[in-house]
Amino acid sequence: YIRNDLKLNCKFVIYLHNQATIACWPMRHWGGASLIQTKDRFVSSCIRDAECLKISFPEANCSTIPFSYKEISSEMVFSKPDEVEIPFIFIVRISSQKNIHTALLALKILKTQNPEISWVFHIYGKEDNLGSPNMGISEEGYQQFLMDLCETLKIKEKVFFHGHQDIKHLKDVLKKRRHI
């Protein structure tokens, strides 16, 4: 609309949000791809996304800015891994699209093959019950499935579901000590 109808030739900054891995099809589908100019700047969260973008738009300018939280505090505790459990923290929509079940299976393997390594897995987020709408797959009860899986894998005492939390609380959790 800005370029086509208003005829404004301003520079666009376009956040990819993993669109490059699907060849930017939404942009192509709605006609935006033909309006991209070499002066426009794409922003990706990882190098691989930037590389995929070059397949769709070989002349594209792309900056990679990884996801992170900005507040690094001198109060962070960097204890030695052998002194405490290694905390894995996952802030996510509770959805099978996020492969949380695969993470649980990987942690079971870690527990089985390296029993000397102590860890905990904290999951922050709310179940969305969206399934995979693009594939016509509905889904409800994924969080209960995950909780049952933890029981089956005998890792229930290591996995904590905290639900949706506000950003201030999450920042406080992330600043407390190092984590994965």
C-alpha atoms as a PDB file:
ATOM      1  CA  TYR A   1       0.000   0.000   0.000  1.00  0.00           C
ATOM      2  CA  ILE A   2       2.748   2.456   0.950  1.00  0.00           C
ATOM      3  CA  ARG A   3       4.771   1.919  -2.215  1.00  0.00           C
ATOM      4  CA  ASN A   4       2.064   0.887  -4.652  1.00  0.00           C
ATOM      5  CA  ASP A   5      -0.860   3.177  -3.799  1.00  0.00           C
ATOM      6  CA  LEU A   6       0.709   6.081  -1.906  1.00  0.00           C
ATOM      7  CA  LYS A   7       3.790   6.052  -4.159  1.00  0.00           C
ATOM      8  CA  LEU A   8       6.080   6.698  -1.167  1.00  0.00           C
ATOM      9  CA  ASN A   9       9.534   5.413  -1.961  1.00  0.00           C
ATOM     10  CA  CYS A  10      10.765   5.084   1.626  1.00  0.00           C
ATOM     11  CA  LYS A  11      13.173   2.434   2.890  1.00  0.00           C
ATOM     12  CA  PHE A  12      11.451  -0.595   4.465  1.00  0.00           C
ATOM     13  CA  VAL A  13      12.792  -2.554   7.418  1.00  0.00           C
ATOM     14  CA  ILE A  14      11.187  -6.000   7.329  1.00  0.00           C
ATOM     15  CA  TYR A  15      11.458  -8.440  10.201  1.00  0.00           C
ATOM     16  CA  LEU A  16      11.549 -11.972   8.763  1.00  0.00           C
ATOM     17  CA  HIS A  17      10.167 -13.907  11.742  1.00  0.00           C
ATOM     18  CA  ASN A  18      11.197 -17.182  10.034  1.00  0.00           C
ATOM     19  CA  GLN A  19       9.512 -16.233   6.752  1.00  0.00           C
ATOM     20  CA  ALA A  20      12.717 -16.912   4.805  1.00  0.00           C
ATOM     21  CA  THR A  21      12.530 -20.627   5.613  1.00  0.00           C
ATOM     22  CA  ILE A  22       9.229 -20.770   3.714  1.00  0.00           C
ATOM     23  CA  ALA A  23      10.593 -18.688   0.809  1.00  0.00           C
ATOM     24  CA  CYS A  24       8.690 -15.590   1.995  1.00  0.00           C
ATOM     25  CA  TRP A  25       5.514 -17.030   0.470  1.00  0.00           C
ATOM     26  CA  PRO A  26       3.127 -14.625   2.290  1.00  0.00           C
ATOM     27  CA  MET A  27       5.000 -11.693   0.755  1.00  0.00           C
ATOM     28  CA  ARG A  28       4.780 -13.321  -2.665  1.00  0.00           C
ATOM     29  CA  HIS A  29       1.157 -14.404  -2.208  1.00  0.00           C
ATOM     30  CA  TRP A  30      -0.055 -10.868  -1.461  1.00  0.00           C
ATOM     31  CA  GLY A  31       2.136  -9.211  -4.088  1.00  0.00           C
ATOM     32  CA  GLY A  32       4.668  -7.573  -1.790  1.00  0.00           C
ATOM     33  CA  ALA A  33       7.698  -9.362  -3.218  1.00  0.00           C
ATOM     34  CA  SER A  34       7.637  -7.346  -6.430  1.00  0.00           C
ATOM     35  CA  LEU A  35       7.836  -4.141  -4.402  1.00  0.00           C
ATOM     36  CA  ILE A  36      11.033  -5.050  -2.518  1.00  0.00           C
ATOM     37  CA  GLN A  37      13.995  -2.836  -3.396  1.00  0.00           C
ATOM     38  CA  THR A  38      17.705  -3.306  -2.759  1.00  0.00           C
ATOM     39  CA  LYS A  39      17.681  -0.360  -0.333  1.00  0.00           C
ATOM     40  CA  ASP A  40      15.237  -2.237   1.938  1.00  0.00           C
ATOM     41  CA  ARG A  41      16.664  -3.972   5.005  1.00  0.00           C
ATOM     42  CA  PHE A  42      15.568  -7.382   6.281  1.00  0.00           C
ATOM     43  CA  VAL A  43      16.149  -8.380   9.900  1.00  0.00           C
ATOM     44  CA  SER A  44      16.569 -12.036  10.865  1.00  0.00           C
ATOM     45  CA  SER A  45      17.032 -13.653  14.253  1.00  0.00           C
ATOM     46  CA  CYS A  46      19.594 -16.199  13.006  1.00  0.00           C
ATOM     47  CA  ILE A  47      22.240 -16.593  10.324  1.00  0.00           C
ATOM     48  CA  ARG A  48      20.437 -19.518   8.663  1.00  0.00           C
ATOM     49  CA  ASP A  49      17.321 -17.387   8.160  1.00  0.00           C
ATOM     50  CA  ALA A  50      19.492 -14.734   6.493  1.00  0.00           C
ATOM     51  CA  GLU A  51      21.034 -17.415   4.239  1.00  0.00           C
ATOM     52  CA  CYS A  52      17.578 -18.715   3.276  1.00  0.00           C
ATOM     53  CA  LEU A  53      16.512 -15.164   2.436  1.00  0.00           C
ATOM     54  CA  LYS A  54      19.320 -14.935  -0.148  1.00  0.00           C
ATOM     55  CA  ILE A  55      17.714 -17.852  -2.023  1.00  0.00           C
ATOM     56  CA  SER A  56      14.458 -15.903  -2.423  1.00  0.00           C
ATOM     57  CA  PHE A  57      15.984 -12.432  -2.719  1.00  0.00           C
ATOM     58  CA  PRO A  58      19.660 -12.710  -3.780  1.00  0.00           C
ATOM     59  CA  GLU A  59      20.214  -8.923  -3.642  1.00  0.00           C
ATOM     60  CA  ALA A  60      18.613  -8.458  -0.226  1.00  0.00           C
ATOM     61  CA  ASN A  61      20.339  -6.600   2.580  1.00  0.00           C
ATOM     62  CA  CYS A  62      19.906  -8.497   5.816  1.00  0.00           C
ATOM     63  CA  SER A  63      20.994  -7.901   9.402  1.00  0.00           C
ATOM     64  CA  THR A  64      21.025 -10.724  11.925  1.00  0.00           C
ATOM     65  CA  ILE A  65      19.935  -9.753  15.422  1.00  0.00           C
ATOM     66  CA  PRO A  66      19.543 -12.787  17.711  1.00  0.00           C
ATOM     67  CA  PHE A  67      16.690 -13.004  20.201  1.00  0.00           C
ATOM     68  CA  SER A  68      17.841 -12.082  23.666  1.00  0.00           C
ATOM     69  CA  TYR A  69      16.824 -10.139  26.690  1.00  0.00           C
ATOM     70  CA  LYS A  70      18.607  -6.847  27.131  1.00  0.00           C
ATOM     71  CA  GLU A  71      19.100  -6.615  30.857  1.00  0.00           C
ATOM     72  CA  ILE A  72      22.395  -8.117  31.946  1.00  0.00           C
ATOM     73  CA  SER A  73      22.995  -7.508  35.593  1.00  0.00           C
ATOM     74  CA  SER A  74      26.075  -7.634  37.766  1.00  0.00           C
ATOM     75  CA  GLU A  75      23.817  -9.399  40.269  1.00  0.00           C
ATOM     76  CA  MET A  76      23.655 -12.523  38.101  1.00  0.00           C
ATOM     77  CA  VAL A  77      25.000 -15.563  39.896  1.00  0.00           C
ATOM     78  CA  PHE A  78      27.440 -17.609  37.813  1.00  0.00           C
ATOM     79  CA  SER A  79      27.882 -20.655  39.962  1.00  0.00           C
ATOM     80  CA  LYS A  80      29.824 -23.668  38.791  1.00  0.00           C
ATOM     81  CA  PRO A  81      27.658 -26.243  36.988  1.00  0.00           C
ATOM     82  CA  ASP A  82      28.683 -29.028  39.359  1.00  0.00           C
ATOM     83  CA  GLU A  83      27.382 -27.043  42.360  1.00  0.00           C
ATOM     84  CA  VAL A  84      23.768 -26.642  41.208  1.00  0.00           C
ATOM     85  CA  GLU A  85      21.257 -28.066  38.813  1.00  0.00           C
ATOM     86  CA  ILE A  86      21.532 -26.715  35.301  1.00  0.00           C
ATOM     87  CA  PRO A  87      18.310 -24.800  34.630  1.00  0.00           C
ATOM     88  CA  PHE A  88      16.820 -25.119  31.165  1.00  0.00           C
ATOM     89  CA  ILE A  89      14.288 -22.319  30.616  1.00  0.00           C
ATOM     90  CA  PHE A  90      11.821 -22.347  27.738  1.00  0.00           C
ATOM     91  CA  ILE A  91       9.520 -19.355  27.148  1.00  0.00           C
ATOM     92  CA  VAL A  92       7.051 -20.545  24.559  1.00  0.00           C
ATOM     93  CA  ARG A  93       3.494 -21.041  23.391  1.00  0.00           C
ATOM     94  CA  ILE A  94       2.516 -24.484  24.640  1.00  0.00           C
ATOM     95  CA  SER A  95       1.964 -26.053  21.219  1.00  0.00           C
ATOM     96  CA  SER A  96       3.202 -29.181  19.469  1.00  0.00           C
ATOM     97  CA  GLN A  97       4.571 -26.829  16.792  1.00  0.00           C
ATOM     98  CA  LYS A  98       7.260 -25.932  19.353  1.00  0.00           C
ATOM     99  CA  ASN A  99       8.406 -29.565  19.765  1.00  0.00           C
ATOM    100  CA  ILE A 100       8.386 -29.453  23.552  1.00  0.00           C
ATOM    101  CA  HIS A 101       7.831 -33.222  23.555  1.00  0.00           C
ATOM    102  CA  THR A 102      11.137 -33.630  21.703  1.00  0.00           C
ATOM    103  CA  ALA A 103      12.890 -31.515  24.335  1.00  0.00           C
ATOM    104  CA  LEU A 104      11.458 -33.766  27.043  1.00  0.00           C
ATOM    105  CA  LEU A 105      12.695 -36.870  25.215  1.00  0.00           C
ATOM    106  CA  ALA A 106      16.152 -35.283  24.882  1.00  0.00           C
ATOM    107  CA  LEU A 107      16.220 -34.519  28.604  1.00  0.00           C
ATOM    108  CA  LYS A 108      15.261 -38.133  29.360  1.00  0.00           C
ATOM    109  CA  ILE A 109      18.226 -39.259  27.235  1.00  0.00           C
ATOM    110  CA  LEU A 110      20.468 -36.789  29.105  1.00  0.00           C
ATOM    111  CA  LYS A 111      19.239 -38.170  32.434  1.00  0.00           C
ATOM    112  CA  THR A 112      19.751 -41.771  31.311  1.00  0.00           C
ATOM    113  CA  GLN A 113      23.154 -41.390  29.651  1.00  0.00           C
ATOM    114  CA  ASN A 114      24.611 -38.811  32.063  1.00  0.00           C
ATOM    115  CA  PRO A 115      23.050 -39.399  35.483  1.00  0.00           C
ATOM    116  CA  GLU A 116      25.758 -37.278  37.120  1.00  0.00           C
ATOM    117  CA  ILE A 117      24.410 -34.154  35.403  1.00  0.00           C
ATOM    118  CA  SER A 118      21.653 -32.529  37.402  1.00  0.00           C
ATOM    119  CA  TRP A 119      19.130 -30.363  35.544  1.00  0.00           C
ATOM    120  CA  VAL A 120      15.650 -28.865  35.762  1.00  0.00           C
ATOM    121  CA  PHE A 121      13.386 -27.721  32.929  1.00  0.00           C
ATOM    122  CA  HIS A 122      11.198 -24.642  33.462  1.00  0.00           C
ATOM    123  CA  ILE A 123       8.486 -23.997  30.884  1.00  0.00           C
ATOM    124  CA  TYR A 124       6.839 -20.574  30.810  1.00  0.00           C
ATOM    125  CA  GLY A 125       3.847 -20.124  28.561  1.00  0.00           C
ATOM    126  CA  LYS A 126       0.208 -20.806  27.926  1.00  0.00           C
ATOM    127  CA  GLU A 127      -1.342 -23.596  25.893  1.00  0.00           C
ATOM    128  CA  ASP A 128      -2.814 -22.143  22.699  1.00  0.00           C
ATOM    129  CA  ASN A 129      -4.919 -25.098  21.438  1.00  0.00           C
ATOM    130  CA  LEU A 130      -4.270 -23.967  17.852  1.00  0.00           C
ATOM    131  CA  GLY A 131      -2.770 -27.177  16.524  1.00  0.00           C
ATOM    132  CA  SER A 132      -1.326 -26.714  13.042  1.00  0.00           C
ATOM    133  CA  PRO A 133      -4.029 -24.787  11.179  1.00  0.00           C
ATOM    134  CA  ASN A 134      -2.056 -24.606   7.917  1.00  0.00           C
ATOM    135  CA  MET A 135      -2.052 -28.409   7.837  1.00  0.00           C
ATOM    136  CA  GLY A 136      -5.635 -28.776   9.042  1.00  0.00           C
ATOM    137  CA  ILE A 137      -4.566 -30.425  12.314  1.00  0.00           C
ATOM    138  CA  SER A 138      -6.511 -29.432  15.415  1.00  0.00           C
ATOM    139  CA  GLU A 139      -5.113 -29.913  18.884  1.00  0.00           C
ATOM    140  CA  GLU A 140      -6.299 -29.665  22.447  1.00  0.00           C
ATOM    141  CA  GLY A 141      -4.746 -30.940  25.629  1.00  0.00           C
ATOM    142  CA  TYR A 142      -1.102 -30.726  24.555  1.00  0.00           C
ATOM    143  CA  GLN A 143       0.031 -29.517  27.985  1.00  0.00           C
ATOM    144  CA  GLN A 144      -1.692 -32.478  29.645  1.00  0.00           C
ATOM    145  CA  PHE A 145      -0.007 -34.741  27.083  1.00  0.00           C
ATOM    146  CA  LEU A 146       3.361 -33.213  28.087  1.00  0.00           C
ATOM    147  CA  MET A 147       2.651 -33.691  31.786  1.00  0.00           C
ATOM    148  CA  ASP A 148       1.683 -37.318  31.151  1.00  0.00           C
ATOM    149  CA  LEU A 149       4.836 -37.764  29.056  1.00  0.00           C
ATOM    150  CA  CYS A 150       6.941 -36.454  31.964  1.00  0.00           C
ATOM    151  CA  GLU A 151       5.346 -39.089  34.174  1.00  0.00           C
ATOM    152  CA  THR A 152       5.970 -41.843  31.602  1.00  0.00           C
ATOM    153  CA  LEU A 153       9.606 -40.763  31.144  1.00  0.00           C
ATOM    154  CA  LYS A 154      10.082 -40.529  34.924  1.00  0.00           C
ATOM    155  CA  ILE A 155      11.226 -36.901  34.757  1.00  0.00           C
ATOM    156  CA  LYS A 156       8.125 -35.331  36.353  1.00  0.00           C
ATOM    157  CA  GLU A 157      10.086 -34.039  39.354  1.00  0.00           C
ATOM    158  CA  LYS A 158      12.482 -32.192  36.985  1.00  0.00           C
ATOM    159  CA  VAL A 159       9.928 -30.372  34.774  1.00  0.00           C
ATOM    160  CA  PHE A 160       7.940 -27.328  35.923  1.00  0.00           C
ATOM    161  CA  PHE A 161       5.078 -25.641  34.069  1.00  0.00           C
ATOM    162  CA  HIS A 162       4.754 -22.025  35.211  1.00  0.00           C
ATOM    163  CA  GLY A 163       2.026 -20.830  32.837  1.00  0.00           C
ATOM    164  CA  HIS A 164       1.901 -17.375  31.274  1.00  0.00           C
ATOM    165  CA  GLN A 165       3.953 -14.799  33.198  1.00  0.00           C
ATOM    166  CA  ASP A 166       4.309 -11.074  32.680  1.00  0.00           C
ATOM    167  CA  ILE A 167       7.523  -9.761  31.143  1.00  0.00           C
ATOM    168  CA  LYS A 168       8.787  -8.220  34.399  1.00  0.00           C
ATOM    169  CA  HIS A 169       8.624 -11.577  36.156  1.00  0.00           C
ATOM    170  CA  LEU A 170      10.368 -13.298  33.229  1.00  0.00           C
ATOM    171  CA  LYS A 171      13.174 -10.720  33.249  1.00  0.00           C
ATOM    172  CA  ASP A 172      13.631 -11.285  36.982  1.00  0.00           C
ATOM    173  CA  VAL A 173      13.810 -15.069  36.434  1.00  0.00           C
ATOM    174  CA  LEU A 174      16.336 -14.683  33.630  1.00  0.00           C
ATOM    175  CA  LYS A 175      18.561 -12.315  35.635  1.00  0.00           C
ATOM    176  CA  LYS A 176      18.769 -14.550  38.718  1.00  0.00           C
ATOM    177  CA  ARG A 177      21.401 -16.963  37.417  1.00  0.00           C
ATOM    178  CA  ARG A 178      22.762 -18.428  34.249  1.00  0.00           C
ATOM    179  CA  HIS A 179      20.613 -20.885  32.366  1.00  0.00           C
ATOM    180  CA  ILE A 180      20.175 -22.586  29.048  1.00  0.00           C
END
